[in-house]
N, C-alpha and C. Protein backbone atom coordinates (compact mmCIF):
# COMPACT_ATOMS: atom_id res chain seq x y z
N UNK A 1 98.52 103.47 39.86
CA UNK A 1 97.93 104.62 40.55
C UNK A 1 96.42 104.63 40.27
N UNK A 2 95.64 104.79 41.29
CA UNK A 2 94.19 104.84 41.14
C UNK A 2 93.75 106.27 40.84
N UNK A 3 92.81 106.37 39.94
CA UNK A 3 92.28 107.69 39.59
C UNK A 3 91.08 108.00 40.47
N UNK A 4 90.79 109.28 40.60
CA UNK A 4 89.63 109.70 41.37
C UNK A 4 88.37 109.46 40.55
N UNK A 5 87.22 109.40 41.21
CA UNK A 5 85.96 109.25 40.46
C UNK A 5 85.73 110.36 39.44
N UNK A 6 86.16 111.59 39.77
CA UNK A 6 85.99 112.70 38.83
C UNK A 6 86.88 112.50 37.61
N UNK A 7 88.12 112.10 37.84
CA UNK A 7 89.04 111.86 36.72
C UNK A 7 88.52 110.72 35.84
N UNK A 8 88.06 109.66 36.45
CA UNK A 8 87.51 108.54 35.68
C UNK A 8 86.27 108.97 34.90
N UNK A 9 85.43 109.77 35.53
CA UNK A 9 84.23 110.26 34.84
C UNK A 9 84.60 111.15 33.66
N UNK A 10 85.60 112.00 33.84
CA UNK A 10 86.07 112.86 32.76
C UNK A 10 86.66 112.01 31.64
N UNK A 11 87.37 110.96 31.98
CA UNK A 11 87.91 110.04 30.97
C UNK A 11 86.77 109.36 30.20
N UNK A 12 85.73 108.96 30.90
CA UNK A 12 84.59 108.33 30.22
C UNK A 12 83.89 109.32 29.29
N UNK A 13 83.77 110.57 29.70
CA UNK A 13 83.18 111.59 28.83
C UNK A 13 84.06 111.79 27.60
N UNK A 14 85.38 111.76 27.78
CA UNK A 14 86.30 111.88 26.66
C UNK A 14 86.06 110.74 25.67
N UNK A 15 85.95 109.53 26.17
CA UNK A 15 85.69 108.37 25.32
C UNK A 15 84.34 108.50 24.64
N UNK A 16 83.33 108.96 25.36
CA UNK A 16 82.00 109.14 24.79
C UNK A 16 82.03 110.14 23.63
N UNK A 17 82.76 111.23 23.79
CA UNK A 17 82.88 112.22 22.72
C UNK A 17 83.57 111.62 21.50
N UNK A 18 84.59 110.81 21.73
CA UNK A 18 85.30 110.16 20.63
C UNK A 18 84.40 109.14 19.93
N UNK A 19 83.63 108.40 20.70
CA UNK A 19 82.69 107.43 20.10
C UNK A 19 81.67 108.16 19.24
N UNK A 20 81.15 109.28 19.72
CA UNK A 20 80.21 110.07 18.92
C UNK A 20 80.87 110.54 17.63
N UNK A 21 82.10 111.00 17.71
CA UNK A 21 82.82 111.44 16.52
C UNK A 21 83.05 110.28 15.55
N UNK A 22 83.41 109.11 16.06
CA UNK A 22 83.56 107.93 15.20
C UNK A 22 82.24 107.61 14.49
N UNK A 23 81.13 107.70 15.24
CA UNK A 23 79.82 107.44 14.65
C UNK A 23 79.56 108.42 13.50
N UNK A 24 79.90 109.68 13.71
CA UNK A 24 79.72 110.68 12.66
C UNK A 24 80.55 110.31 11.42
N UNK A 25 81.77 109.88 11.64
CA UNK A 25 82.63 109.47 10.53
C UNK A 25 82.07 108.27 9.79
N UNK A 26 81.52 107.33 10.53
CA UNK A 26 80.91 106.16 9.89
C UNK A 26 79.70 106.56 9.05
N UNK A 27 78.94 107.52 9.57
CA UNK A 27 77.77 108.01 8.83
C UNK A 27 78.20 108.66 7.52
N UNK A 28 79.27 109.45 7.57
CA UNK A 28 79.80 110.07 6.36
C UNK A 28 80.23 108.98 5.38
N UNK A 29 80.92 107.97 5.86
CA UNK A 29 81.36 106.87 5.00
C UNK A 29 80.19 106.14 4.36
N UNK A 30 79.16 105.87 5.14
CA UNK A 30 77.96 105.20 4.61
C UNK A 30 77.31 106.03 3.51
N UNK A 31 77.18 107.34 3.77
CA UNK A 31 76.53 108.20 2.79
C UNK A 31 77.42 108.44 1.57
N UNK A 32 78.71 108.42 1.77
CA UNK A 32 79.65 108.54 0.64
C UNK A 32 79.44 107.36 -0.30
N UNK A 33 79.32 106.17 0.29
CA UNK A 33 79.09 104.97 -0.51
C UNK A 33 77.70 104.98 -1.15
N UNK A 34 76.69 105.31 -0.37
CA UNK A 34 75.31 105.32 -0.87
C UNK A 34 75.13 106.26 -2.06
N UNK A 35 75.75 107.42 -1.97
CA UNK A 35 75.57 108.44 -3.02
C UNK A 35 76.73 108.48 -4.02
N UNK A 36 77.62 107.49 -3.90
CA UNK A 36 78.74 107.37 -4.86
C UNK A 36 79.60 108.65 -4.91
N UNK A 37 79.91 109.18 -3.75
CA UNK A 37 80.78 110.35 -3.65
C UNK A 37 82.19 109.82 -3.42
N UNK A 38 82.98 109.81 -4.45
CA UNK A 38 84.32 109.24 -4.39
C UNK A 38 85.29 110.21 -3.72
N UNK A 39 86.11 109.65 -2.82
CA UNK A 39 87.14 110.46 -2.15
C UNK A 39 88.10 110.98 -3.21
N UNK A 40 88.58 112.19 -3.09
CA UNK A 40 88.52 113.11 -1.97
C UNK A 40 87.37 114.10 -2.05
N UNK A 41 86.39 113.87 -2.92
CA UNK A 41 85.28 114.82 -3.08
C UNK A 41 84.56 115.03 -1.74
N UNK A 42 84.16 116.26 -1.51
CA UNK A 42 83.40 116.59 -0.29
C UNK A 42 82.05 117.20 -0.64
N UNK A 43 81.69 117.14 -1.90
CA UNK A 43 80.38 117.61 -2.32
C UNK A 43 79.69 116.50 -3.09
N UNK A 44 78.39 116.58 -3.10
CA UNK A 44 77.60 115.57 -3.78
C UNK A 44 76.16 115.72 -3.37
N UNK A 45 75.55 114.62 -3.00
CA UNK A 45 74.16 114.65 -2.57
C UNK A 45 74.03 115.49 -1.29
N UNK A 46 72.96 116.27 -1.16
CA UNK A 46 72.78 117.09 0.05
C UNK A 46 72.84 116.28 1.34
N UNK A 47 72.32 115.07 1.35
CA UNK A 47 72.36 114.23 2.55
C UNK A 47 73.81 113.95 2.95
N UNK A 48 74.66 113.66 1.97
CA UNK A 48 76.08 113.45 2.25
C UNK A 48 76.74 114.73 2.76
N UNK A 49 76.46 115.85 2.10
CA UNK A 49 77.09 117.12 2.49
C UNK A 49 76.71 117.51 3.91
N UNK A 50 75.48 117.26 4.31
CA UNK A 50 75.07 117.58 5.69
C UNK A 50 75.85 116.73 6.68
N UNK A 51 75.95 115.43 6.42
CA UNK A 51 76.69 114.55 7.33
C UNK A 51 78.16 114.95 7.39
N UNK A 52 78.72 115.31 6.24
CA UNK A 52 80.12 115.74 6.18
C UNK A 52 80.33 117.00 7.01
N UNK A 53 79.42 117.97 6.89
CA UNK A 53 79.54 119.22 7.66
C UNK A 53 79.39 118.97 9.16
N UNK A 54 78.50 118.06 9.54
CA UNK A 54 78.36 117.73 10.97
C UNK A 54 79.69 117.19 11.50
N UNK A 55 80.28 116.25 10.76
CA UNK A 55 81.54 115.67 11.19
C UNK A 55 82.64 116.73 11.24
N UNK A 56 82.74 117.56 10.22
CA UNK A 56 83.80 118.57 10.17
C UNK A 56 83.61 119.64 11.25
N UNK A 57 82.36 120.05 11.48
CA UNK A 57 82.13 121.05 12.52
C UNK A 57 82.50 120.49 13.89
N UNK A 58 82.18 119.24 14.11
CA UNK A 58 82.54 118.61 15.38
C UNK A 58 84.06 118.49 15.49
N UNK A 59 84.72 118.12 14.41
CA UNK A 59 86.18 118.06 14.41
C UNK A 59 86.79 119.41 14.74
N UNK A 60 86.19 120.48 14.24
CA UNK A 60 86.68 121.84 14.51
C UNK A 60 86.54 122.19 16.00
N UNK A 61 85.58 121.59 16.67
CA UNK A 61 85.35 121.90 18.09
C UNK A 61 86.12 120.99 19.04
N UNK A 62 86.51 119.81 18.60
CA UNK A 62 87.21 118.89 19.50
C UNK A 62 88.51 119.46 20.08
N UNK A 63 89.34 120.19 19.29
CA UNK A 63 90.56 120.75 19.89
C UNK A 63 90.30 121.86 20.90
N UNK A 64 89.10 122.37 20.93
CA UNK A 64 88.71 123.35 21.96
C UNK A 64 88.14 122.60 23.16
N UNK A 65 87.26 121.66 22.89
CA UNK A 65 86.55 120.94 23.94
C UNK A 65 87.48 120.12 24.84
N UNK A 66 88.33 119.27 24.24
CA UNK A 66 89.14 118.36 25.06
C UNK A 66 90.07 119.08 26.04
N UNK A 67 90.84 120.08 25.62
CA UNK A 67 91.69 120.76 26.61
C UNK A 67 90.88 121.46 27.70
N UNK A 68 89.77 122.10 27.31
CA UNK A 68 88.95 122.79 28.32
C UNK A 68 88.35 121.80 29.30
N UNK A 69 87.90 120.66 28.80
CA UNK A 69 87.36 119.61 29.67
C UNK A 69 88.39 119.20 30.72
N UNK A 70 89.62 118.92 30.27
CA UNK A 70 90.65 118.43 31.20
C UNK A 70 91.22 119.52 32.08
N UNK A 71 91.35 120.73 31.55
CA UNK A 71 91.81 121.83 32.41
C UNK A 71 90.81 122.10 33.53
N UNK A 72 89.53 122.02 33.20
CA UNK A 72 88.50 122.20 34.23
C UNK A 72 88.57 121.06 35.24
N UNK A 73 88.71 119.84 34.75
CA UNK A 73 88.79 118.68 35.66
C UNK A 73 89.98 118.77 36.59
N UNK A 74 91.10 119.27 36.10
CA UNK A 74 92.32 119.32 36.90
C UNK A 74 92.34 120.52 37.85
N UNK A 75 91.91 121.68 37.38
CA UNK A 75 92.12 122.91 38.15
C UNK A 75 90.90 123.49 38.84
N UNK A 76 89.70 123.15 38.41
CA UNK A 76 88.52 123.76 39.03
C UNK A 76 88.01 122.83 40.13
N UNK A 77 88.39 123.13 41.36
CA UNK A 77 88.06 122.24 42.47
C UNK A 77 86.83 122.68 43.27
N UNK A 78 86.30 123.85 42.99
CA UNK A 78 85.13 124.34 43.73
C UNK A 78 83.95 123.38 43.57
N UNK A 79 83.73 122.93 42.37
CA UNK A 79 82.71 121.89 42.10
C UNK A 79 83.37 120.86 41.21
N UNK A 80 83.96 119.81 41.79
CA UNK A 80 84.76 118.86 41.03
C UNK A 80 84.01 118.17 39.88
N UNK A 81 82.71 118.03 40.04
CA UNK A 81 81.94 117.32 39.01
C UNK A 81 81.55 118.22 37.83
N UNK A 82 82.00 119.48 37.84
CA UNK A 82 81.65 120.40 36.76
C UNK A 82 82.16 119.91 35.41
N UNK A 83 83.41 119.46 35.36
CA UNK A 83 83.98 119.04 34.08
C UNK A 83 83.22 117.87 33.45
N UNK A 84 83.05 116.75 34.16
CA UNK A 84 82.33 115.66 33.50
C UNK A 84 80.86 116.02 33.22
N UNK A 85 80.24 116.80 34.09
CA UNK A 85 78.85 117.19 33.85
C UNK A 85 78.73 118.05 32.59
N UNK A 86 79.60 119.06 32.47
CA UNK A 86 79.57 119.90 31.27
C UNK A 86 80.02 119.12 30.04
N UNK A 87 80.88 118.15 30.22
CA UNK A 87 81.28 117.29 29.11
C UNK A 87 80.10 116.50 28.57
N UNK A 88 79.29 115.98 29.46
CA UNK A 88 78.08 115.26 29.03
C UNK A 88 77.13 116.21 28.31
N UNK A 89 77.00 117.43 28.82
CA UNK A 89 76.15 118.43 28.15
C UNK A 89 76.67 118.68 26.74
N UNK A 90 77.99 118.80 26.59
CA UNK A 90 78.59 119.04 25.28
C UNK A 90 78.27 117.89 24.32
N UNK A 91 78.43 116.66 24.79
CA UNK A 91 78.15 115.49 23.95
C UNK A 91 76.67 115.45 23.56
N UNK A 92 75.80 115.75 24.49
CA UNK A 92 74.36 115.78 24.18
C UNK A 92 74.08 116.87 23.15
N UNK A 93 74.68 118.04 23.32
CA UNK A 93 74.50 119.12 22.36
C UNK A 93 74.98 118.74 20.97
N UNK A 94 76.12 118.06 20.90
CA UNK A 94 76.65 117.62 19.60
C UNK A 94 75.73 116.58 18.97
N UNK A 95 75.17 115.68 19.78
CA UNK A 95 74.22 114.68 19.25
C UNK A 95 72.95 115.37 18.75
N UNK A 96 72.48 116.36 19.51
CA UNK A 96 71.31 117.14 19.07
C UNK A 96 71.61 117.85 17.75
N UNK A 97 72.79 118.46 17.67
CA UNK A 97 73.23 119.17 16.47
C UNK A 97 73.23 118.22 15.27
N UNK A 98 73.81 117.04 15.46
CA UNK A 98 73.88 116.06 14.38
C UNK A 98 72.49 115.65 13.93
N UNK A 99 71.65 115.30 14.87
CA UNK A 99 70.30 114.84 14.54
C UNK A 99 69.53 115.92 13.77
N UNK A 100 69.57 117.13 14.27
CA UNK A 100 68.83 118.22 13.63
C UNK A 100 69.42 118.56 12.26
N UNK A 101 70.73 118.65 12.16
CA UNK A 101 71.38 119.04 10.90
C UNK A 101 71.10 118.01 9.81
N UNK A 102 71.13 116.73 10.17
CA UNK A 102 70.86 115.70 9.17
C UNK A 102 69.43 115.76 8.65
N UNK A 103 68.50 116.18 9.51
CA UNK A 103 67.09 116.27 9.10
C UNK A 103 66.80 117.58 8.38
N UNK A 104 67.25 118.68 8.96
CA UNK A 104 66.98 120.01 8.40
C UNK A 104 68.04 120.97 8.94
N UNK A 105 68.99 121.39 8.09
CA UNK A 105 70.08 122.25 8.55
C UNK A 105 69.61 123.53 9.25
N UNK A 106 68.43 124.01 8.91
CA UNK A 106 67.90 125.22 9.54
C UNK A 106 67.60 125.01 11.03
N UNK A 107 67.52 123.77 11.47
CA UNK A 107 67.14 123.47 12.86
C UNK A 107 68.34 123.05 13.71
N UNK A 108 69.55 123.31 13.22
CA UNK A 108 70.75 122.88 13.94
C UNK A 108 71.10 123.77 15.12
N UNK A 109 70.50 124.95 15.21
CA UNK A 109 70.87 125.94 16.21
C UNK A 109 70.83 125.49 17.65
N UNK A 110 69.74 124.89 18.11
CA UNK A 110 69.70 124.51 19.53
C UNK A 110 70.82 123.56 19.96
N UNK A 111 71.10 122.55 19.15
CA UNK A 111 72.18 121.63 19.48
C UNK A 111 73.53 122.32 19.50
N UNK A 112 73.74 123.19 18.52
CA UNK A 112 74.98 123.96 18.48
C UNK A 112 75.07 124.85 19.72
N UNK A 113 73.97 125.49 20.08
CA UNK A 113 73.94 126.37 21.24
C UNK A 113 74.26 125.65 22.53
N UNK A 114 73.71 124.45 22.70
CA UNK A 114 73.97 123.66 23.92
C UNK A 114 75.46 123.32 24.02
N UNK A 115 76.04 122.85 22.92
CA UNK A 115 77.46 122.49 22.98
C UNK A 115 78.34 123.73 23.11
N UNK A 116 77.98 124.83 22.47
CA UNK A 116 78.76 126.07 22.60
C UNK A 116 78.69 126.61 24.02
N UNK A 117 77.52 126.55 24.63
CA UNK A 117 77.39 126.99 26.02
C UNK A 117 78.28 126.15 26.93
N UNK A 118 78.29 124.84 26.72
CA UNK A 118 79.16 123.97 27.52
C UNK A 118 80.63 124.37 27.34
N UNK A 119 81.03 124.68 26.11
CA UNK A 119 82.42 125.10 25.86
C UNK A 119 82.74 126.41 26.58
N UNK A 120 81.84 127.36 26.52
CA UNK A 120 82.08 128.66 27.17
C UNK A 120 82.18 128.47 28.69
N UNK A 121 81.29 127.67 29.26
CA UNK A 121 81.35 127.42 30.70
C UNK A 121 82.63 126.69 31.08
N UNK A 122 83.03 125.71 30.28
CA UNK A 122 84.30 125.03 30.54
C UNK A 122 85.47 126.01 30.47
N UNK A 123 85.43 126.93 29.51
CA UNK A 123 86.48 127.94 29.40
C UNK A 123 86.54 128.81 30.66
N UNK A 124 85.39 129.27 31.10
CA UNK A 124 85.35 130.12 32.30
C UNK A 124 85.83 129.37 33.54
N UNK A 125 85.37 128.13 33.70
CA UNK A 125 85.76 127.36 34.88
C UNK A 125 87.24 127.00 34.83
N UNK A 126 87.75 126.66 33.65
CA UNK A 126 89.18 126.35 33.53
C UNK A 126 90.00 127.59 33.88
N UNK A 127 89.58 128.73 33.37
CA UNK A 127 90.29 129.98 33.65
C UNK A 127 90.27 130.30 35.14
N UNK A 128 89.10 130.20 35.74
CA UNK A 128 88.98 130.43 37.19
C UNK A 128 89.87 129.46 37.96
N UNK A 129 89.83 128.19 37.57
CA UNK A 129 90.63 127.19 38.26
C UNK A 129 92.12 127.42 38.14
N UNK A 130 92.58 127.76 36.94
CA UNK A 130 94.01 128.01 36.73
C UNK A 130 94.46 129.25 37.50
N UNK A 131 93.68 130.32 37.40
CA UNK A 131 94.04 131.56 38.11
C UNK A 131 94.02 131.32 39.62
N UNK A 132 93.00 130.64 40.09
CA UNK A 132 92.90 130.35 41.53
C UNK A 132 94.07 129.52 41.99
N UNK A 133 94.45 128.52 41.23
CA UNK A 133 95.59 127.69 41.58
C UNK A 133 96.88 128.51 41.57
N UNK A 134 97.02 129.34 40.58
CA UNK A 134 98.22 130.20 40.48
C UNK A 134 98.34 131.13 41.69
N UNK A 135 97.23 131.75 42.06
CA UNK A 135 97.23 132.72 43.15
C UNK A 135 97.47 132.10 44.51
N UNK A 136 97.00 130.86 44.67
CA UNK A 136 97.06 130.25 46.00
C UNK A 136 98.05 129.08 46.08
N UNK A 137 99.05 129.10 45.16
CA UNK A 137 100.09 128.06 45.24
C UNK A 137 100.88 128.26 46.53
N UNK A 138 101.20 127.15 47.13
CA UNK A 138 102.00 127.25 48.37
C UNK A 138 103.28 126.45 48.25
C-alpha cells in the first residue's frame, strides 16, 4: 500500500524526532563518561546534569507529541500539511531547547516555548479533526 505524501512526511518527522532524542542520549552518555558519572547516578558535574535534564524533559514530552502528531495527520484534513509542519516546528524547538539549556539553563525558555506551542496547536487540531470526523461520519 502506498502512503500519501502527508503520511510519509509525518513519518519522516517522527524519525527526525527520534534521531534528535537518540542524539540527546548519546550526549548524556558522552558526558557521563567524561565526568565519570557511574550509572545509575543522575547527578554529578553540572554539564552532565544539564544534558540529562534535556534528555529527560524531551522523553517526558514524546508521549504527548507522537500521538498528537499522528492524530492531527489522520483526522485534521482542513490543512493536511499541518501535522508534519508543526512536527518540524516541535523538533526545531526541542533542538533550540537543548542548545540553550546546555549553554545556560536560564536561556532554555524560547526553545521550550516553541515546542510547547507546537504541542498545543497539535492538540487543538487533533481535537478539531476528531470532533469534525465524528460529527460528519457517514
